[in-house]
C-alpha atoms as a PDB file:
ATOM      1  CA  UNK A   1      60.403  87.098  76.544  1.00  0.00           C
ATOM      2  CA  UNK A   2      57.155  85.218  76.051  1.00  0.00           C
ATOM      3  CA  UNK A   3      53.975  87.217  76.042  1.00  0.00           C
ATOM      4  CA  UNK A   4      52.492  87.322  79.523  1.00  0.00           C
ATOM      5  CA  UNK A   5      55.692  86.126  81.271  1.00  0.00           C
ATOM      6  CA  UNK A   6      55.703  87.297  84.884  1.00  0.00           C
ATOM      7  CA  UNK A   7      58.966  85.881  86.160  1.00  0.00           C
ATOM      8  CA  UNK A   8      59.583  82.875  88.374  1.00  0.00           C
ATOM      9  CA  UNK A   9      56.464  81.880  90.268  1.00  0.00           C
ATOM     10  CA  UNK A  10      56.521  81.453  94.018  1.00  0.00           C
ATOM     11  CA  UNK A  11      60.027  82.772  94.585  1.00  0.00           C
ATOM     12  CA  UNK A  12      59.119  86.168  96.002  1.00  0.00           C
ATOM     13  CA  UNK A  13      61.273  87.962  93.447  1.00  0.00           C
ATOM     14  CA  UNK A  14      59.263  91.121  93.892  1.00  0.00           C
ATOM     15  CA  UNK A  15      59.727  90.938  97.645  1.00  0.00           C
ATOM     16  CA  UNK A  16      63.519  90.613  97.250  1.00  0.00           C
ATOM     17  CA  UNK A  17      63.568  93.616  94.925  1.00  0.00           C
ATOM     18  CA  UNK A  18      61.540  95.610  97.449  1.00  0.00           C
ATOM     19  CA  UNK A  19      63.998  94.653 100.194  1.00  0.00           C
ATOM     20  CA  UNK A  20      66.955  95.685  98.049  1.00  0.00           C
ATOM     21  CA  UNK A  21      65.278  98.998  97.169  1.00  0.00           C
ATOM     22  CA  UNK A  22      64.595  99.654 100.846  1.00  0.00           C
ATOM     23  CA  UNK A  23      68.187  98.755 101.727  1.00  0.00           C
ATOM     24  CA  UNK A  24      69.472 101.123  99.062  1.00  0.00           C
ATOM     25  CA  UNK A  25      67.295 103.928 100.421  1.00  0.00           C
ATOM     26  CA  UNK A  26      68.542 103.280 103.965  1.00  0.00           C
ATOM     27  CA  UNK A  27      72.159 103.259 102.766  1.00  0.00           C
ATOM     28  CA  UNK A  28      71.700 106.577 100.990  1.00  0.00           C
ATOM     29  CA  UNK A  29      70.209 108.048 104.179  1.00  0.00           C
ATOM     30  CA  UNK A  30      73.140 106.739 106.240  1.00  0.00           C
ATOM     31  CA  UNK A  31      75.617 108.220 103.759  1.00  0.00           C
ATOM     32  CA  UNK A  32      73.847 111.589 103.932  1.00  0.00           C
ATOM     33  CA  UNK A  33      74.043 111.461 107.727  1.00  0.00           C
ATOM     34  CA  UNK A  34      77.762 110.660 107.519  1.00  0.00           C
ATOM     35  CA  UNK A  35      78.301 113.772 105.427  1.00  0.00           C
ATOM     36  CA  UNK A  36      76.847 115.818 108.311  1.00  0.00           C
ATOM     37  CA  UNK A  37      78.712 114.145 111.183  1.00  0.00           C
ATOM     38  CA  UNK A  38      82.165 115.387 112.095  1.00  0.00           C
ATOM     39  CA  UNK A  39      85.213 114.162 113.944  1.00  0.00           C
ATOM     40  CA  UNK A  40      87.954 116.375 115.348  1.00  0.00           C
ATOM     41  CA  UNK A  41      91.518 115.271 116.003  1.00  0.00           C
ATOM     42  CA  UNK A  42      94.523 117.145 117.331  1.00  0.00           C
ATOM     43  CA  UNK A  43      98.302 117.005 117.293  1.00  0.00           C
ATOM     44  CA  UNK A  44     100.984 118.745 119.341  1.00  0.00           C
ATOM     45  CA  UNK A  45      98.904 118.779 122.504  1.00  0.00           C
ATOM     46  CA  UNK A  46      96.064 120.552 120.720  1.00  0.00           C
ATOM     47  CA  UNK A  47      98.232 123.073 118.861  1.00  0.00           C
ATOM     48  CA  UNK A  48      96.794 121.782 115.575  1.00  0.00           C
ATOM     49  CA  UNK A  49      93.162 120.750 115.280  1.00  0.00           C
ATOM     50  CA  UNK A  50      91.528 119.165 112.218  1.00  0.00           C
ATOM     51  CA  UNK A  51      87.783 118.649 111.746  1.00  0.00           C
ATOM     52  CA  UNK A  52      86.573 116.212 109.113  1.00  0.00           C
ATOM     53  CA  UNK A  53      83.188 114.846 108.049  1.00  0.00           C
ATOM     54  CA  UNK A  54      82.231 111.192 108.074  1.00  0.00           C
ATOM     55  CA  UNK A  55      82.634 111.137 104.301  1.00  0.00           C
ATOM     56  CA  UNK A  56      86.252 112.356 104.554  1.00  0.00           C
ATOM     57  CA  UNK A  57      85.891 116.027 103.689  1.00  0.00           C
ATOM     58  CA  UNK A  58      88.078 118.377 105.691  1.00  0.00           C
ATOM     59  CA  UNK A  59      85.886 121.053 107.272  1.00  0.00           C
ATOM     60  CA  UNK A  60      88.545 123.034 109.086  1.00  0.00           C
ATOM     61  CA  UNK A  61      92.058 123.326 110.440  1.00  0.00           C
ATOM     62  CA  UNK A  62      92.902 125.429 113.473  1.00  0.00           C
ATOM     63  CA  UNK A  63      96.512 126.245 114.316  1.00  0.00           C
ATOM     64  CA  UNK A  64      97.442 127.782 117.654  1.00  0.00           C
ATOM     65  CA  UNK A  65      98.996 131.216 117.037  1.00  0.00           C
ATOM     66  CA  UNK A  66     101.814 130.475 119.496  1.00  0.00           C
ATOM     67  CA  UNK A  67     102.958 127.656 117.251  1.00  0.00           C
ATOM     68  CA  UNK A  68     103.298 130.124 114.383  1.00  0.00           C
ATOM     69  CA  UNK A  69     105.416 132.464 116.505  1.00  0.00           C
ATOM     70  CA  UNK A  70     108.095 129.772 116.814  1.00  0.00           C
ATOM     71  CA  UNK A  71     108.597 129.786 113.040  1.00  0.00           C
ATOM     72  CA  UNK A  72     109.425 126.074 112.954  1.00  0.00           C
ATOM     73  CA  UNK A  73     107.859 125.200 109.590  1.00  0.00           C
ATOM     74  CA  UNK A  74     108.847 121.521 109.663  1.00  0.00           C
ATOM     75  CA  UNK A  75     107.271 121.041 113.089  1.00  0.00           C
ATOM     76  CA  UNK A  76     104.071 122.727 111.905  1.00  0.00           C
ATOM     77  CA  UNK A  77     103.965 120.562 108.780  1.00  0.00           C
ATOM     78  CA  UNK A  78     104.431 117.399 110.835  1.00  0.00           C
ATOM     79  CA  UNK A  79     101.669 118.401 113.239  1.00  0.00           C
ATOM     80  CA  UNK A  80      99.224 119.227 110.436  1.00  0.00           C
ATOM     81  CA  UNK A  81     100.022 115.942 108.701  1.00  0.00           C
ATOM     82  CA  UNK A  82      99.557 114.005 111.945  1.00  0.00           C
ATOM     83  CA  UNK A  83      96.252 115.699 112.768  1.00  0.00           C
ATOM     84  CA  UNK A  84      94.901 115.187 109.234  1.00  0.00           C
ATOM     85  CA  UNK A  85      95.825 111.494 109.245  1.00  0.00           C
ATOM     86  CA  UNK A  86      94.277 110.998 112.679  1.00  0.00           C
ATOM     87  CA  UNK A  87      91.101 112.760 111.501  1.00  0.00           C
ATOM     88  CA  UNK A  88      90.980 110.566 108.380  1.00  0.00           C
ATOM     89  CA  UNK A  89      91.332 107.440 110.525  1.00  0.00           C
ATOM     90  CA  UNK A  90      88.574 108.627 112.866  1.00  0.00           C
ATOM     91  CA  UNK A  91      86.351 109.518 109.912  1.00  0.00           C
ATOM     92  CA  UNK A  92      86.860 106.090 108.343  1.00  0.00           C
ATOM     93  CA  UNK A  93      86.063 104.401 111.668  1.00  0.00           C
ATOM     94  CA  UNK A  94      82.874 106.465 111.942  1.00  0.00           C
ATOM     95  CA  UNK A  95      81.924 105.478 108.398  1.00  0.00           C
ATOM     96  CA  UNK A  96      82.593 101.786 109.038  1.00  0.00           C
ATOM     97  CA  UNK A  97      80.506 101.934 112.204  1.00  0.00           C
ATOM     98  CA  UNK A  98      77.610 103.693 110.474  1.00  0.00           C
ATOM     99  CA  UNK A  99      77.689 101.430 107.422  1.00  0.00           C
ATOM    100  CA  UNK A 100      78.326  98.105 109.248  1.00  0.00           C
ATOM    101  CA  UNK A 101      74.650  97.059 109.321  1.00  0.00           C
ATOM    102  CA  UNK A 102      74.454  97.434 105.539  1.00  0.00           C
ATOM    103  CA  UNK A 103      77.733  95.620 104.969  1.00  0.00           C
ATOM    104  CA  UNK A 104      76.440  92.749 107.081  1.00  0.00           C
ATOM    105  CA  UNK A 105      73.117  92.683 105.206  1.00  0.00           C
ATOM    106  CA  UNK A 106      74.825  92.694 101.825  1.00  0.00           C
ATOM    107  CA  UNK A 107      77.055  89.820 102.939  1.00  0.00           C
ATOM    108  CA  UNK A 108      73.866  87.981 103.896  1.00  0.00           C
ATOM    109  CA  UNK A 109      72.578  88.492 100.362  1.00  0.00           C
ATOM    110  CA  UNK A 110      75.741  86.800  99.092  1.00  0.00           C
ATOM    111  CA  UNK A 111      77.259  89.995  97.768  1.00  0.00           C
ATOM    112  CA  UNK A 112      80.543  89.427  99.634  1.00  0.00           C
ATOM    113  CA  UNK A 113      81.210  93.049 100.551  1.00  0.00           C
END
């Protein structure tokens, strides 16, 4: 680069970089908030309950003791699978909702997210 080169004049390149840096900071904050938010889904009329964070980490599974007394392992497996998948779907929806403003902004910058 030539000595004293300062980039394109009059294009606000520094302003764009500042906007992108601010956007990145806001996205990181939103992602941190998602990690703290939880969704809870159930299966079998509430016999199985799964709690998951907005960044898709399972925080807990609760199984009604009466369900265990029946001894029907296949039914229990199906209910756990159903509750986990419902919790994942709810967690993804929460994430999409929280991150939508950033997705829209990035599309506006021509980043085609």
